[in-house]
Amino acid sequence: MVDTTAPVLTVPADVSVEANAVMSTVAIGNATATDIFAVTITSDAPATYALGTTVVTWTATDANGNATSGTQNVTVVDTTAPVLTVPADVSVEANAVMSTVAIGNATATDIFAVTITSDAPATYALGTTVVTWTATDANGNATSGTQNVTVVDTTAPVLSVPADVSVEANGVLSTVAIGTATATDIFGATVTNDAPATYPVGTTVVTYTAVDGNGLTTIGTQNVTVVDTTAPTVTAQLVPVLVGDDEHENQAKKGLFQVVFTATDIADPNPVLTATLNGATVTNGQIVKLEQSKKAKVENEHGKLEIQGLSFTLSVSATDASGNVGTASAAFAFPSHKDDDHGIHRGNDKEDKHADSGNHKSEGKAKVEQKDDKKSESKSSSKDDDKKSKKH
């Protein structure tokens, strides 16, 4: 009796699995066989499987050497993308128009080798740049992730204003060289100010504003001080008033003079003027009568000022708005000889507010007596009149 019948072999179904390692372990199952006689089943299945399809051959052999073979396809695939971890979002202060930023590095894990790339630029503009990271494994599976890189500008310009300035007035409104402010900023800066064209006496605060390209602002101030320490320039004259044709004769006889004085000031167009003639207050343009007498007397008769004395001094002072005082004086004495120039001396003094305004002294001290329209005289004048009455 012979046995020529091979076993009936049943191999496991084909298997397709996801890779679990570079060389994957796979449960491929077991083949079965039936035969009258005892059967031994073998296969060439490896312990682990590479990516792709491995053909496993199964063989069933009975006790009489009859054999049957069959195959099973074991397929290992990689459809799993890498696990990608991107750096955290970054927000930094601008360090240039295009800023350098340390954004960190992405990481990725995968069974197979992974390459990580990004589209990160070398420098970053103001605002938010989205960086895309991509991890690709050796089998072409890829994962992408994004990172926000934000560059902000919160730094205001650095503003340098000119030093405070103090100058002497050169007009009612003075011109002043105040200098120029400067500003620095990554994004450039524009500097403006509210400086007037001219400055009054006192302190004017000039405000400078620097604005950068992103609207950030820095403000600084400068004190511009104009001082007035210059006293007014004053002139004083006693101008003879001619009555007839003979200037010398009429002036000497009549003694009529016009009071003339002026004052100019750099910073004050209208300084306060005061003027006295032998102690009596006079006004500019006023006509006064001077009479030669050893007795000093001042009379106001019917609105006309008459002064008696041996010498006469017109004293004028001008005070500007800053308190500076300028003075001038003019003196007159009746001539001892007919060919004298009428004894007129015109003066012009200028001083600051701390100076003594009495720059000229009269040749004789006149005693001032005021008299109203009724020709009332001072007490000393009345005494003189009483003496005259007693003599009569």
Protein backbone atom coordinates (compact mmCIF):
# COMPACT_ATOMS: atom_id res chain seq x y z
CA MET A 1 0.00 0.00 0.00
CA VAL A 2 1.32 3.42 -0.95
CA ASP A 3 0.51 7.07 0.13
CA THR A 4 0.80 9.57 -2.61
CA THR A 5 -1.75 12.02 -1.35
CA ALA A 6 -0.34 15.32 -0.04
CA PRO A 7 -1.91 17.02 2.93
CA VAL A 8 -4.62 19.57 2.42
CA LEU A 9 -3.04 22.89 3.52
CA THR A 10 -4.89 26.01 4.62
CA VAL A 11 -2.71 29.08 5.00
CA PRO A 12 -3.70 32.18 7.02
CA ALA A 13 -5.27 35.07 5.19
CA ASP A 14 -3.07 37.84 3.93
CA VAL A 15 -2.24 40.46 6.61
CA SER A 16 -1.74 44.22 6.27
CA VAL A 17 -0.69 46.09 9.38
CA GLU A 18 0.57 49.55 10.39
CA ALA A 19 4.23 49.60 11.10
CA ASN A 20 5.06 49.51 14.77
CA ALA A 21 8.77 49.74 14.31
CA VAL A 22 11.31 50.00 11.59
CA MET A 23 11.03 46.17 11.59
CA SER A 24 7.54 45.46 12.75
CA THR A 25 6.24 42.50 14.67
CA VAL A 26 3.16 41.03 12.98
CA ALA A 27 0.67 38.41 14.11
CA ILE A 28 0.30 36.47 10.86
CA GLY A 29 -1.77 33.57 12.17
CA ASN A 30 -1.16 29.84 11.63
CA ALA A 31 -1.65 27.45 8.74
CA THR A 32 -3.56 24.19 9.14
CA ALA A 33 -3.37 20.87 7.26
CA THR A 34 -5.30 17.59 7.11
CA ASP A 35 -3.99 14.20 6.08
CA ILE A 36 -4.53 10.53 6.87
CA PHE A 37 -1.14 10.48 8.30
CA ALA A 38 0.52 12.84 10.70
CA VAL A 39 1.36 16.25 9.22
CA THR A 40 4.06 18.76 10.04
CA ILE A 41 3.54 22.42 9.08
CA THR A 42 6.47 24.81 8.59
CA SER A 43 6.92 28.38 7.26
CA ASP A 44 9.66 30.81 6.38
CA ALA A 45 8.02 33.66 8.30
CA PRO A 46 10.61 36.07 9.75
CA ALA A 47 10.47 37.31 13.32
CA THR A 48 9.86 40.91 12.17
CA TYR A 49 8.75 42.49 8.97
CA ALA A 50 10.13 45.32 6.98
CA LEU A 51 7.94 48.01 5.50
CA GLY A 52 6.23 46.57 2.45
CA THR A 53 4.97 43.05 1.60
CA THR A 54 6.68 39.91 2.74
CA VAL A 55 5.54 36.56 1.19
CA VAL A 56 5.44 33.81 3.80
CA THR A 57 5.53 30.26 2.42
CA TRP A 58 3.80 27.58 4.42
CA THR A 59 4.53 23.86 3.88
CA ALA A 60 2.58 20.86 5.18
CA THR A 61 4.39 17.48 5.00
CA ASP A 62 2.80 14.17 6.03
CA ALA A 63 4.55 11.23 7.55
CA ASN A 64 5.16 9.72 4.15
CA GLY A 65 6.87 12.80 2.77
CA ASN A 66 4.00 14.07 0.78
CA ALA A 67 4.04 17.93 0.91
CA THR A 68 1.77 20.81 0.09
CA SER A 69 2.83 24.48 0.01
CA GLY A 70 0.89 27.74 0.17
CA THR A 71 1.75 31.45 0.54
CA GLN A 72 0.54 34.32 2.68
CA ASN A 73 1.23 38.04 1.99
CA VAL A 74 2.23 40.01 5.08
CA THR A 75 2.16 43.75 4.36
CA VAL A 76 3.51 46.43 6.68
CA VAL A 77 2.49 50.00 5.88
CA ASP A 78 3.35 53.47 7.34
CA THR A 79 0.48 55.89 7.16
CA THR A 80 1.19 57.60 10.47
CA ALA A 81 2.50 61.17 10.23
CA PRO A 82 5.10 62.44 12.67
CA VAL A 83 4.00 64.01 15.92
CA LEU A 84 5.10 67.64 15.60
CA THR A 85 5.60 70.12 18.47
CA VAL A 86 6.09 73.73 17.38
CA PRO A 87 7.63 76.47 19.59
CA ALA A 88 5.33 78.72 21.61
CA ASP A 89 4.17 81.99 20.07
CA VAL A 90 6.66 84.84 20.50
CA SER A 91 6.08 88.58 21.03
CA VAL A 92 9.12 90.85 21.12
CA GLU A 93 9.99 94.55 21.04
CA ALA A 94 11.30 95.73 17.69
CA ASN A 95 15.09 95.99 17.55
CA ALA A 96 15.24 97.26 13.97
CA VAL A 97 12.95 98.10 11.09
CA MET A 98 13.27 94.38 10.32
CA SER A 99 13.89 92.68 13.66
CA THR A 100 15.89 89.60 14.49
CA VAL A 101 13.88 87.22 16.69
CA ALA A 102 14.82 84.02 18.53
CA ILE A 103 11.77 81.86 17.73
CA GLY A 104 13.02 78.52 19.07
CA ASN A 105 12.89 75.12 17.36
CA ALA A 106 10.21 72.60 16.56
CA THR A 107 10.53 68.92 17.49
CA ALA A 108 8.93 65.79 16.03
CA THR A 109 8.74 62.06 16.82
CA ASP A 110 8.13 59.16 14.41
CA ILE A 111 9.07 55.49 13.99
CA PHE A 112 11.07 56.48 10.98
CA ALA A 113 13.53 59.30 10.50
CA VAL A 114 11.99 62.79 10.43
CA THR A 115 13.06 66.01 8.75
CA ILE A 116 11.74 69.33 10.14
CA THR A 117 11.55 72.46 8.03
CA SER A 118 9.98 75.94 8.39
CA ASP A 119 9.36 79.03 6.32
CA ALA A 120 10.71 81.34 9.03
CA PRO A 121 12.35 84.48 7.55
CA ALA A 122 15.72 85.77 8.71
CA THR A 123 14.13 88.98 10.07
CA TYR A 124 10.62 90.04 10.96
CA ALA A 125 8.58 93.09 10.09
CA LEU A 126 6.46 94.95 12.61
CA GLY A 127 3.27 92.98 13.26
CA THR A 128 2.58 89.22 13.30
CA THR A 129 4.31 86.74 11.03
CA VAL A 130 2.93 83.18 10.88
CA VAL A 131 5.75 80.64 10.71
CA THR A 132 4.76 77.21 9.36
CA TRP A 133 6.72 74.19 10.59
CA THR A 134 6.60 70.87 8.71
CA ALA A 135 7.81 67.48 9.91
CA THR A 136 8.20 64.80 7.19
CA ASP A 137 9.15 61.19 7.91
CA ALA A 138 11.18 58.91 5.68
CA ASN A 139 8.03 57.58 4.08
CA GLY A 140 6.71 61.00 3.08
CA ASN A 141 4.16 61.33 5.84
CA ALA A 142 4.03 64.96 6.92
CA THR A 143 2.62 67.04 9.76
CA SER A 144 2.43 70.87 9.82
CA GLY A 145 2.01 73.36 12.63
CA THR A 146 2.18 77.13 12.96
CA GLN A 147 3.79 79.62 15.31
CA ASN A 148 2.91 83.34 15.61
CA VAL A 149 5.90 85.65 15.79
CA THR A 150 4.81 89.18 16.77
CA VAL A 151 7.04 92.25 16.68
CA VAL A 152 5.73 95.32 18.48
CA ASP A 153 6.95 98.90 18.86
CA THR A 154 6.15 100.38 22.26
CA THR A 155 9.31 102.48 22.54
CA ALA A 156 8.75 106.21 22.11
CA PRO A 157 11.41 108.34 20.41
CA VAL A 158 14.33 109.60 22.46
CA LEU A 159 13.91 113.39 22.39
CA SER A 160 16.66 115.90 23.18
CA VAL A 161 15.43 119.47 23.59
CA PRO A 162 17.72 122.53 23.54
CA ALA A 163 18.91 123.94 26.85
CA ASP A 164 16.89 126.71 28.46
CA VAL A 165 17.70 130.13 27.07
CA SER A 166 17.83 133.52 28.79
CA VAL A 167 18.47 136.61 26.67
CA GLU A 168 18.29 140.38 26.92
CA ALA A 169 15.25 141.88 25.23
CA ASN A 170 15.95 143.22 21.74
CA GLY A 171 12.46 144.55 21.11
CA VAL A 172 8.95 144.71 22.53
CA LEU A 173 8.76 141.17 21.16
CA SER A 174 12.27 139.74 20.94
CA THR A 175 13.77 137.39 18.39
CA VAL A 176 15.58 134.53 20.13
CA ALA A 177 17.80 131.76 18.78
CA ILE A 178 16.40 128.82 20.76
CA GLY A 179 18.28 125.99 19.06
CA THR A 180 16.92 122.78 17.56
CA ALA A 181 15.54 119.62 19.16
CA THR A 182 16.61 116.19 17.92
CA ALA A 183 15.02 112.76 18.21
CA THR A 184 16.13 109.20 17.53
CA ASP A 185 13.97 106.15 16.90
CA ILE A 186 14.25 102.83 15.06
CA PHE A 187 11.44 103.87 12.76
CA GLY A 188 12.46 107.52 12.38
CA ALA A 189 10.89 110.49 14.12
CA THR A 190 9.47 113.89 13.23
CA VAL A 191 10.01 116.77 15.67
CA THR A 192 7.65 119.75 15.91
CA ASN A 193 7.32 122.62 18.38
CA ASP A 194 4.99 125.47 19.28
CA ALA A 195 7.73 128.11 19.40
CA PRO A 196 6.47 131.58 18.45
CA ALA A 197 8.34 133.81 16.01
CA THR A 198 9.07 136.36 18.75
CA TYR A 199 9.01 136.35 22.55
CA PRO A 200 7.64 138.81 25.13
CA VAL A 201 9.51 139.76 28.28
CA GLY A 202 9.24 136.89 30.76
CA THR A 203 9.41 133.13 30.35
CA THR A 204 7.79 131.31 27.44
CA VAL A 205 7.58 127.51 27.63
CA VAL A 206 8.26 125.94 24.25
CA THR A 207 6.90 122.40 23.87
CA TYR A 208 8.64 119.97 21.53
CA THR A 209 6.90 116.81 20.27
CA ALA A 210 8.65 113.85 18.63
CA VAL A 211 6.46 111.32 16.80
CA ASP A 212 7.88 108.09 15.37
CA GLY A 213 6.68 106.20 12.33
CA ASN A 214 4.22 104.21 14.44
CA GLY A 215 2.65 107.19 16.21
CA LEU A 216 4.51 106.90 19.51
CA THR A 217 5.13 110.32 21.05
CA THR A 218 7.65 111.95 23.36
CA ILE A 219 7.21 115.50 24.68
CA GLY A 220 9.81 117.85 26.13
CA THR A 221 9.89 121.51 27.09
CA GLN A 222 12.37 124.39 26.95
CA ASN A 223 12.15 127.64 28.92
CA VAL A 224 12.87 130.71 26.84
CA THR A 225 13.34 133.71 29.13
CA VAL A 226 13.57 137.29 27.90
CA VAL A 227 14.82 139.78 30.48
CA ASP A 228 14.87 143.54 30.33
CA THR A 229 17.70 145.13 32.32
CA THR A 230 18.16 148.08 29.98
CA ALA A 231 16.92 151.43 31.25
CA PRO A 232 14.98 153.76 28.96
CA THR A 233 16.89 156.41 27.03
CA VAL A 234 15.72 159.84 28.18
CA THR A 235 16.26 163.33 26.81
CA ALA A 236 15.43 166.63 28.51
CA GLN A 237 15.45 170.20 27.11
CA LEU A 238 14.44 173.68 28.11
CA VAL A 239 13.77 175.29 24.73
CA PRO A 240 13.60 179.11 24.64
CA VAL A 241 10.31 180.47 23.32
CA LEU A 242 10.87 183.55 21.14
CA VAL A 243 8.46 186.43 21.49
CA GLY A 244 10.12 189.04 19.28
CA ASP A 245 12.85 189.26 16.68
CA ASP A 246 15.81 189.60 18.99
CA GLU A 247 16.39 186.09 20.33
CA HIS A 248 18.83 187.10 23.09
CA GLU A 249 16.93 190.10 24.29
CA ASN A 250 13.50 188.52 24.30
CA GLN A 251 14.62 185.26 25.85
CA ALA A 252 16.45 187.06 28.61
CA LYS A 253 13.62 189.46 29.27
CA LYS A 254 10.67 187.19 28.91
CA GLY A 255 12.23 183.96 30.27
CA LEU A 256 9.72 181.80 28.42
CA PHE A 257 10.73 178.19 27.85
CA GLN A 258 9.07 175.07 26.54
CA VAL A 259 9.63 171.88 28.49
CA VAL A 260 10.60 169.13 26.04
CA PHE A 261 11.48 165.57 27.01
CA THR A 262 11.37 162.15 25.41
CA ALA A 263 11.90 158.52 26.46
CA THR A 264 12.46 155.41 24.37
CA ASP A 265 12.81 151.84 25.59
CA ILE A 266 13.68 148.59 23.86
CA ALA A 267 10.98 146.53 25.53
CA ASP A 268 8.36 149.04 26.66
CA PRO A 269 6.86 151.38 24.06
CA ASN A 270 5.29 153.53 26.77
CA PRO A 271 7.56 153.96 29.80
CA VAL A 272 6.11 156.04 32.63
CA LEU A 273 7.53 159.57 32.52
CA THR A 274 7.81 162.06 35.36
CA ALA A 275 9.36 165.51 35.12
CA THR A 276 10.00 168.31 37.58
CA LEU A 277 11.41 171.79 37.12
CA ASN A 278 12.96 173.07 40.32
CA GLY A 279 10.73 170.63 42.15
CA ALA A 280 7.51 171.55 40.35
CA THR A 281 5.85 168.85 38.24
CA VAL A 282 5.79 169.75 34.55
CA THR A 283 4.45 168.11 31.43
CA ASN A 284 5.95 167.60 28.02
CA GLY A 285 5.43 170.66 25.80
CA GLN A 286 4.45 172.89 28.72
CA ILE A 287 5.40 176.60 28.51
CA VAL A 288 6.98 177.91 31.70
CA LYS A 289 8.26 181.33 32.71
CA LEU A 290 11.59 181.54 34.48
CA GLU A 291 12.51 184.72 36.37
CA GLN A 292 15.87 185.60 37.81
CA SER A 293 15.64 186.12 41.53
CA LYS A 294 17.66 185.40 44.63
CA LYS A 295 14.46 184.11 46.14
CA ALA A 296 13.32 180.70 44.98
CA LYS A 297 9.61 180.65 44.28
CA VAL A 298 7.18 178.56 42.21
CA GLU A 299 3.80 179.93 41.27
CA ASN A 300 0.90 178.60 39.24
CA GLU A 301 -1.09 181.60 38.12
CA HIS A 302 -4.09 181.06 35.88
CA GLY A 303 -2.61 177.74 34.77
CA LYS A 304 0.78 179.25 33.94
CA LEU A 305 3.85 178.07 35.80
CA GLU A 306 6.24 180.78 36.92
CA ILE A 307 9.47 179.93 38.70
CA GLN A 308 11.89 182.35 40.33
CA GLY A 309 15.48 181.51 41.16
CA LEU A 310 19.08 181.89 40.16
CA SER A 311 19.28 178.50 38.42
CA PHE A 312 16.78 176.09 37.05
CA THR A 313 16.97 172.32 36.55
CA LEU A 314 14.58 170.15 34.57
CA SER A 315 14.76 166.58 35.90
CA VAL A 316 13.11 163.80 33.91
CA SER A 317 12.85 160.11 34.78
CA ALA A 318 11.32 157.23 32.80
CA THR A 319 10.40 153.86 34.30
CA ASP A 320 9.76 150.91 31.99
CA ALA A 321 7.53 147.92 32.65
CA SER A 322 10.49 145.98 34.07
CA GLY A 323 11.25 148.69 36.62
CA ASN A 324 14.35 150.01 34.90
CA VAL A 325 14.77 153.76 35.39
CA GLY A 326 16.45 156.17 33.02
CA THR A 327 17.00 159.84 33.79
CA ALA A 328 18.01 163.04 32.06
CA SER A 329 18.22 166.67 33.08
CA ALA A 330 18.55 170.12 31.55
CA ALA A 331 19.83 173.19 33.42
CA PHE A 332 19.42 176.91 32.82
CA ALA A 333 20.87 179.95 34.52
CA PHE A 334 20.38 183.54 33.47
CA PRO A 335 23.55 184.86 31.86
CA SER A 336 25.88 187.12 33.71
CA HIS A 337 26.85 188.77 30.41
CA LYS A 338 24.72 189.53 27.45
CA ASP A 339 26.76 187.42 25.03
CA ASP A 340 26.35 184.22 27.09
CA ASP A 341 24.41 181.45 25.45
CA HIS A 342 21.50 181.96 27.80
CA GLY A 343 23.04 179.61 30.36
CA ILE A 344 21.24 176.59 28.91
CA HIS A 345 22.59 173.09 29.60
CA ARG A 346 20.87 170.09 28.21
CA GLY A 347 21.49 166.70 29.81
CA ASN A 348 20.83 163.07 28.98
CA ASP A 349 21.38 160.40 31.58
CA LYS A 350 20.65 156.70 31.35
CA GLU A 351 20.72 154.28 34.25
CA ASP A 352 19.21 151.08 35.52
CA LYS A 353 16.62 150.82 38.20
CA HIS A 354 19.20 150.69 40.97
CA ALA A 355 20.91 153.95 39.96
CA ASP A 356 20.45 157.35 41.62
CA SER A 357 18.29 159.52 39.37
CA GLY A 358 19.81 162.76 40.66
CA ASN A 359 22.61 163.26 38.21
CA HIS A 360 22.55 167.06 38.06
CA LYS A 361 22.50 169.58 40.91
CA SER A 362 21.10 173.09 40.68
CA GLU A 363 23.41 176.03 41.24
CA GLY A 364 21.19 177.09 44.09
CA LYS A 365 18.57 175.12 45.93
CA ALA A 366 15.17 176.45 44.99
CA LYS A 367 12.45 176.48 47.60
CA VAL A 368 9.27 175.32 45.88
CA GLU A 369 6.04 177.11 46.67
CA GLN A 370 2.74 176.19 45.03
CA LYS A 371 0.16 178.91 44.45
CA ASP A 372 -3.40 178.47 43.18
CA ASP A 373 -5.41 180.78 40.88
CA LYS A 374 -5.91 183.21 43.79
CA LYS A 375 -2.11 183.68 44.00
CA SER A 376 -1.89 182.07 47.41
CA GLU A 377 1.77 181.50 48.31
CA SER A 378 3.60 179.15 50.64
CA LYS A 379 4.14 179.97 54.24
CA SER A 380 7.68 181.25 53.70
CA SER A 381 6.50 183.54 50.89
CA SER A 382 3.77 184.97 53.14
CA LYS A 383 6.35 185.81 55.76
CA ASP A 384 8.37 187.76 53.21
CA ASP A 385 5.26 189.75 52.23
CA ASP A 386 4.55 190.55 55.89
CA LYS A 387 8.01 191.96 56.28
CA LYS A 388 7.50 194.18 53.26
CA SER A 389 4.20 195.45 54.71
CA LYS A 390 5.81 196.38 58.01
CA LYS A 391 8.45 198.43 56.24
CA HIS A 392 5.71 200.50 54.63
